Amino acid sequence: MHIMVYLSDKQLADRFAVSRRTIWNWFDAGHFPAPVRLSRSVTRWRLADVEAFENERIAASAA
């Protein structure tokens, strides 16, 4: 069984040491994975998408 883990904008802001607004700005600018709308008032990011984003950034900086 595969468990899907989701992160809030607050959790992402803490993870990257930025503001919640910065997370949304990155997304709006096309520099961050798209969130998933789980309900009318709940938007989250898949942990797998965030980790893939991080791995791409690490690989790009090492090149």
PDB file of N, CA and C in Angstrom:
ATOM      1  N   MET A   1       0.845  -1.186   0.000  1.00  0.00           N
ATOM      2  CA  MET A   1       0.000   0.000   0.000  1.00  0.00           C
ATOM      3  C   MET A   1       0.882   1.238   0.000  1.00  0.00           C
ATOM      4  N   HIS A   2       0.601   2.156  -0.918  1.00  0.00           N
ATOM      5  CA  HIS A   2       1.374   3.387  -1.042  1.00  0.00           C
ATOM      6  C   HIS A   2       0.632   4.522  -0.338  1.00  0.00           C
ATOM      7  N   ILE A   3       1.316   5.192   0.571  1.00  0.00           N
ATOM      8  CA  ILE A   3       0.712   6.301   1.308  1.00  0.00           C
ATOM      9  C   ILE A   3       1.187   7.614   0.705  1.00  0.00           C
ATOM     10  N   MET A   4       0.247   8.459   0.320  1.00  0.00           N
ATOM     11  CA  MET A   4       0.559   9.759  -0.246  1.00  0.00           C
ATOM     12  C   MET A   4       0.699  10.762   0.898  1.00  0.00           C
ATOM     13  N   VAL A   5       1.815  11.468   0.916  1.00  0.00           N
ATOM     14  CA  VAL A   5       2.068  12.472   1.946  1.00  0.00           C
ATOM     15  C   VAL A   5       1.943  13.846   1.304  1.00  0.00           C
ATOM     16  N   TYR A   6       1.241  14.731   1.972  1.00  0.00           N
ATOM     17  CA  TYR A   6       1.029  16.091   1.479  1.00  0.00           C
ATOM     18  C   TYR A   6       1.605  17.098   2.463  1.00  0.00           C
ATOM     19  N   LEU A   7       2.066  18.223   1.931  1.00  0.00           N
ATOM     20  CA  LEU A   7       2.619  19.302   2.753  1.00  0.00           C
ATOM     21  C   LEU A   7       1.845  20.592   2.504  1.00  0.00           C
ATOM     22  N   SER A   8       1.660  21.361   3.557  1.00  0.00           N
ATOM     23  CA  SER A   8       1.007  22.666   3.446  1.00  0.00           C
ATOM     24  C   SER A   8       2.036  23.724   3.045  1.00  0.00           C
ATOM     25  N   ASP A   9       1.547  24.894   2.676  1.00  0.00           N
ATOM     26  CA  ASP A   9       2.464  25.984   2.358  1.00  0.00           C
ATOM     27  C   ASP A   9       3.291  26.374   3.584  1.00  0.00           C
ATOM     28  N   LYS A  10       2.712  26.254   4.766  1.00  0.00           N
ATOM     29  CA  LYS A  10       3.446  26.538   6.011  1.00  0.00           C
ATOM     30  C   LYS A  10       4.591  25.537   6.200  1.00  0.00           C
ATOM     31  N   GLN A  11       4.304  24.268   5.992  1.00  0.00           N
ATOM     32  CA  GLN A  11       5.344  23.248   6.119  1.00  0.00           C
ATOM     33  C   GLN A  11       6.452  23.459   5.084  1.00  0.00           C
ATOM     34  N   LEU A  12       6.075  23.842   3.876  1.00  0.00           N
ATOM     35  CA  LEU A  12       7.074  24.101   2.841  1.00  0.00           C
ATOM     36  C   LEU A  12       7.902  25.335   3.167  1.00  0.00           C
ATOM     37  N   ALA A  13       7.253  26.360   3.684  1.00  0.00           N
ATOM     38  CA  ALA A  13       7.982  27.568   4.078  1.00  0.00           C
ATOM     39  C   ALA A  13       9.012  27.229   5.153  1.00  0.00           C
ATOM     40  N   ASP A  14       8.630  26.413   6.114  1.00  0.00           N
ATOM     41  CA  ASP A  14       9.572  25.977   7.146  1.00  0.00           C
ATOM     42  C   ASP A  14      10.695  25.140   6.535  1.00  0.00           C
ATOM     43  N   ARG A  15      10.363  24.250   5.622  1.00  0.00           N
ATOM     44  CA  ARG A  15      11.343  23.366   4.988  1.00  0.00           C
ATOM     45  C   ARG A  15      12.416  24.154   4.246  1.00  0.00           C
ATOM     46  N   PHE A  16      12.002  25.225   3.551  1.00  0.00           N
ATOM     47  CA  PHE A  16      12.928  26.020   2.743  1.00  0.00           C
ATOM     48  C   PHE A  16      13.364  27.320   3.419  1.00  0.00           C
ATOM     49  N   ALA A  17      12.918  27.541   4.631  1.00  0.00           N
ATOM     50  CA  ALA A  17      13.265  28.749   5.398  1.00  0.00           C
ATOM     51  C   ALA A  17      12.918  30.025   4.634  1.00  0.00           C
ATOM     52  N   VAL A  18      11.686  30.048   4.119  1.00  0.00           N
ATOM     53  CA  VAL A  18      11.161  31.218   3.408  1.00  0.00           C
ATOM     54  C   VAL A  18       9.749  31.481   3.928  1.00  0.00           C
ATOM     55  N   SER A  19       9.130  32.530   3.422  1.00  0.00           N
ATOM     56  CA  SER A  19       7.757  32.824   3.831  1.00  0.00           C
ATOM     57  C   SER A  19       6.767  31.986   3.016  1.00  0.00           C
ATOM     58  N   ARG A  20       5.554  31.895   3.523  1.00  0.00           N
ATOM     59  CA  ARG A  20       4.500  31.202   2.785  1.00  0.00           C
ATOM     60  C   ARG A  20       4.250  31.893   1.444  1.00  0.00           C
ATOM     61  N   ARG A  21       4.324  33.217   1.435  1.00  0.00           N
ATOM     62  CA  ARG A  21       4.115  33.977   0.193  1.00  0.00           C
ATOM     63  C   ARG A  21       5.162  33.606  -0.849  1.00  0.00           C
ATOM     64  N   THR A  22       6.400  33.375  -0.405  1.00  0.00           N
ATOM     65  CA  THR A  22       7.466  32.996  -1.338  1.00  0.00           C
ATOM     66  C   THR A  22       7.145  31.675  -2.022  1.00  0.00           C
ATOM     67  N   ILE A  23       6.598  30.722  -1.283  1.00  0.00           N
ATOM     68  CA  ILE A  23       6.208  29.442  -1.887  1.00  0.00           C
ATOM     69  C   ILE A  23       5.217  29.690  -3.011  1.00  0.00           C
ATOM     70  N   TRP A  24       4.216  30.520  -2.742  1.00  0.00           N
ATOM     71  CA  TRP A  24       3.215  30.822  -3.773  1.00  0.00           C
ATOM     72  C   TRP A  24       3.820  31.619  -4.927  1.00  0.00           C
ATOM     73  N   ASN A  25       4.735  32.528  -4.632  1.00  0.00           N
ATOM     74  CA  ASN A  25       5.402  33.282  -5.699  1.00  0.00           C
ATOM     75  C   ASN A  25       6.201  32.351  -6.601  1.00  0.00           C
ATOM     76  N   TRP A  26       6.913  31.398  -6.002  1.00  0.00           N
ATOM     77  CA  TRP A  26       7.666  30.418  -6.803  1.00  0.00           C
ATOM     78  C   TRP A  26       6.732  29.645  -7.725  1.00  0.00           C
ATOM     79  N   PHE A  27       5.602  29.199  -7.168  1.00  0.00           N
ATOM     80  CA  PHE A  27       4.621  28.472  -7.981  1.00  0.00           C
ATOM     81  C   PHE A  27       4.069  29.357  -9.088  1.00  0.00           C
ATOM     82  N   ASP A  28       3.662  30.575  -8.741  1.00  0.00           N
ATOM     83  CA  ASP A  28       3.098  31.503  -9.730  1.00  0.00           C
ATOM     84  C   ASP A  28       4.075  31.802 -10.858  1.00  0.00           C
ATOM     85  N   ALA A  29       5.371  31.809 -10.538  1.00  0.00           N
ATOM     86  CA  ALA A  29       6.400  32.089 -11.534  1.00  0.00           C
ATOM     87  C   ALA A  29       6.787  30.840 -12.334  1.00  0.00           C
ATOM     88  N   GLY A  30       6.209  29.696 -11.977  1.00  0.00           N
ATOM     89  CA  GLY A  30       6.511  28.463 -12.693  1.00  0.00           C
ATOM     90  C   GLY A  30       7.790  27.792 -12.234  1.00  0.00           C
ATOM     91  N   HIS A  31       8.257  28.144 -11.035  1.00  0.00           N
ATOM     92  CA  HIS A  31       9.509  27.601 -10.519  1.00  0.00           C
ATOM     93  C   HIS A  31       9.312  26.583  -9.407  1.00  0.00           C
ATOM     94  N   PHE A  32       8.087  26.120  -9.211  1.00  0.00           N
ATOM     95  CA  PHE A  32       7.800  25.203  -8.114  1.00  0.00           C
ATOM     96  C   PHE A  32       6.664  24.283  -8.550  1.00  0.00           C
ATOM     97  N   PRO A  33       6.629  23.057  -8.057  1.00  0.00           N
ATOM     98  CA  PRO A  33       5.561  22.125  -8.460  1.00  0.00           C
ATOM     99  C   PRO A  33       4.164  22.667  -8.163  1.00  0.00           C
ATOM    100  N   ALA A  34       3.223  22.190  -8.936  1.00  0.00           N
ATOM    101  CA  ALA A  34       1.829  22.597  -8.746  1.00  0.00           C
ATOM    102  C   ALA A  34       1.240  21.926  -7.510  1.00  0.00           C
ATOM    103  N   PRO A  35       0.438  22.654  -6.765  1.00  0.00           N
ATOM    104  CA  PRO A  35      -0.233  22.047  -5.610  1.00  0.00           C
ATOM    105  C   PRO A  35      -1.439  21.226  -6.063  1.00  0.00           C
ATOM    106  N   VAL A  36      -1.982  20.483  -5.120  1.00  0.00           N
ATOM    107  CA  VAL A  36      -3.175  19.674  -5.347  1.00  0.00           C
ATOM    108  C   VAL A  36      -4.281  20.248  -4.473  1.00  0.00           C
ATOM    109  N   ARG A  37      -5.414  20.482  -5.068  1.00  0.00           N
ATOM    110  CA  ARG A  37      -6.555  20.972  -4.286  1.00  0.00           C
ATOM    111  C   ARG A  37      -7.307  19.761  -3.754  1.00  0.00           C
ATOM    112  N   LEU A  38      -7.221  19.548  -2.444  1.00  0.00           N
ATOM    113  CA  LEU A  38      -7.862  18.394  -1.819  1.00  0.00           C
ATOM    114  C   LEU A  38      -9.317  18.642  -1.485  1.00  0.00           C
ATOM    115  N   SER A  39      -9.661  19.893  -1.271  1.00  0.00           N
ATOM    116  CA  SER A  39     -11.053  20.289  -1.052  1.00  0.00           C
ATOM    117  C   SER A  39     -11.159  21.771  -1.395  1.00  0.00           C
ATOM    118  N   ARG A  40     -12.306  22.324  -1.200  1.00  0.00           N
ATOM    119  CA  ARG A  40     -12.529  23.732  -1.533  1.00  0.00           C
ATOM    120  C   ARG A  40     -11.549  24.669  -0.823  1.00  0.00           C
ATOM    121  N   SER A  41     -11.191  24.341   0.403  1.00  0.00           N
ATOM    122  CA  SER A  41     -10.333  25.235   1.182  1.00  0.00           C
ATOM    123  C   SER A  41      -8.991  24.630   1.578  1.00  0.00           C
ATOM    124  N   VAL A  42      -8.652  23.463   0.998  1.00  0.00           N
ATOM    125  CA  VAL A  42      -7.397  22.804   1.362  1.00  0.00           C
ATOM    126  C   VAL A  42      -6.561  22.552   0.113  1.00  0.00           C
ATOM    127  N   THR A  43      -5.405  23.205   0.069  1.00  0.00           N
ATOM    128  CA  THR A  43      -4.456  23.029  -1.020  1.00  0.00           C
ATOM    129  C   THR A  43      -3.150  22.545  -0.421  1.00  0.00           C
ATOM    130  N   ARG A  44      -2.601  21.487  -0.997  1.00  0.00           N
ATOM    131  CA  ARG A  44      -1.366  20.901  -0.487  1.00  0.00           C
ATOM    132  C   ARG A  44      -0.462  20.509  -1.644  1.00  0.00           C
ATOM    133  N   TRP A  45       0.796  20.267  -1.310  1.00  0.00           N
ATOM    134  CA  TRP A  45       1.766  19.777  -2.284  1.00  0.00           C
ATOM    135  C   TRP A  45       2.111  18.340  -1.948  1.00  0.00           C
ATOM    136  N   ARG A  46       2.260  17.502  -2.978  1.00  0.00           N
ATOM    137  CA  ARG A  46       2.699  16.122  -2.768  1.00  0.00           C
ATOM    138  C   ARG A  46       4.168  16.131  -2.382  1.00  0.00           C
ATOM    139  N   LEU A  47       4.512  15.423  -1.316  1.00  0.00           N
ATOM    140  CA  LEU A  47       5.899  15.326  -0.882  1.00  0.00           C
ATOM    141  C   LEU A  47       6.774  14.786  -2.008  1.00  0.00           C
ATOM    142  N   ALA A  48       6.284  13.810  -2.751  1.00  0.00           N
ATOM    143  CA  ALA A  48       7.063  13.229  -3.857  1.00  0.00           C
ATOM    144  C   ALA A  48       7.409  14.291  -4.898  1.00  0.00           C
ATOM    145  N   ASP A  49       6.482  15.204  -5.204  1.00  0.00           N
ATOM    146  CA  ASP A  49       6.740  16.272  -6.173  1.00  0.00           C
ATOM    147  C   ASP A  49       7.789  17.254  -5.635  1.00  0.00           C
ATOM    148  N   VAL A  50       7.704  17.553  -4.358  1.00  0.00           N
ATOM    149  CA  VAL A  50       8.652  18.476  -3.725  1.00  0.00           C
ATOM    150  C   VAL A  50      10.047  17.851  -3.704  1.00  0.00           C
ATOM    151  N   GLU A  51      10.129  16.566  -3.373  1.00  0.00           N
ATOM    152  CA  GLU A  51      11.426  15.888  -3.360  1.00  0.00           C
ATOM    153  C   GLU A  51      12.031  15.806  -4.761  1.00  0.00           C
ATOM    154  N   ALA A  52      11.198  15.584  -5.778  1.00  0.00           N
ATOM    155  CA  ALA A  52      11.682  15.576  -7.159  1.00  0.00           C
ATOM    156  C   ALA A  52      12.220  16.953  -7.531  1.00  0.00           C
ATOM    157  N   PHE A  53      11.518  18.006  -7.141  1.00  0.00           N
ATOM    158  CA  PHE A  53      11.968  19.379  -7.368  1.00  0.00           C
ATOM    159  C   PHE A  53      13.331  19.604  -6.710  1.00  0.00           C
ATOM    160  N   GLU A  54      13.463  19.173  -5.456  1.00  0.00           N
ATOM    161  CA  GLU A  54      14.740  19.333  -4.737  1.00  0.00           C
ATOM    162  C   GLU A  54      15.867  18.583  -5.453  1.00  0.00           C
ATOM    163  N   ASN A  55      15.600  17.353  -5.877  1.00  0.00           N
ATOM    164  CA  ASN A  55      16.615  16.554  -6.551  1.00  0.00           C
ATOM    165  C   ASN A  55      17.031  17.183  -7.881  1.00  0.00           C
ATOM    166  N   GLU A  56      16.084  17.766  -8.614  1.00  0.00           N
ATOM    167  CA  GLU A  56      16.412  18.462  -9.865  1.00  0.00           C
ATOM    168  C   GLU A  56      17.313  19.655  -9.588  1.00  0.00           C
ATOM    169  N   ARG A  57      17.015  20.406  -8.531  1.00  0.00           N
ATOM    170  CA  ARG A  57      17.827  21.577  -8.174  1.00  0.00           C
ATOM    171  C   ARG A  57      19.232  21.149  -7.760  1.00  0.00           C
ATOM    172  N   ILE A  58      19.347  20.063  -7.013  1.00  0.00           N
ATOM    173  CA  ILE A  58      20.659  19.560  -6.583  1.00  0.00           C
ATOM    174  C   ILE A  58      21.463  19.126  -7.798  1.00  0.00           C
ATOM    175  N   ALA A  59      20.835  18.404  -8.717  1.00  0.00           N
ATOM    176  CA  ALA A  59      21.523  17.936  -9.921  1.00  0.00           C
ATOM    177  C   ALA A  59      21.951  19.116 -10.790  1.00  0.00           C
ATOM    178  N   ALA A  60      21.102  20.130 -10.900  1.00  0.00           N
ATOM    179  CA  ALA A  60      21.432  21.296 -11.721  1.00  0.00           C
ATOM    180  C   ALA A  60      22.596  22.086 -11.119  1.00  0.00           C
ATOM    181  N   SER A  61      22.651  22.165  -9.803  1.00  0.00           N
ATOM    182  CA  SER A  61      23.727  22.924  -9.170  1.00  0.00           C
ATOM    183  C   SER A  61      25.051  22.177  -9.222  1.00  0.00           C
ATOM    184  N   ALA A  62      24.985  20.861  -9.354  1.00  0.00           N
ATOM    185  CA  ALA A  62      26.215  20.049  -9.409  1.00  0.00           C
ATOM    186  C   ALA A  62      26.791  20.006 -10.831  1.00  0.00           C
ATOM    187  N   ALA A  63      25.972  20.356 -11.808  1.00  0.00           N
ATOM    188  CA  ALA A  63      26.432  20.288 -13.216  1.00  0.00           C
ATOM    189  C   ALA A  63      27.309  21.450 -13.604  1.00  0.00           C
TER     190      ALA A  63
END
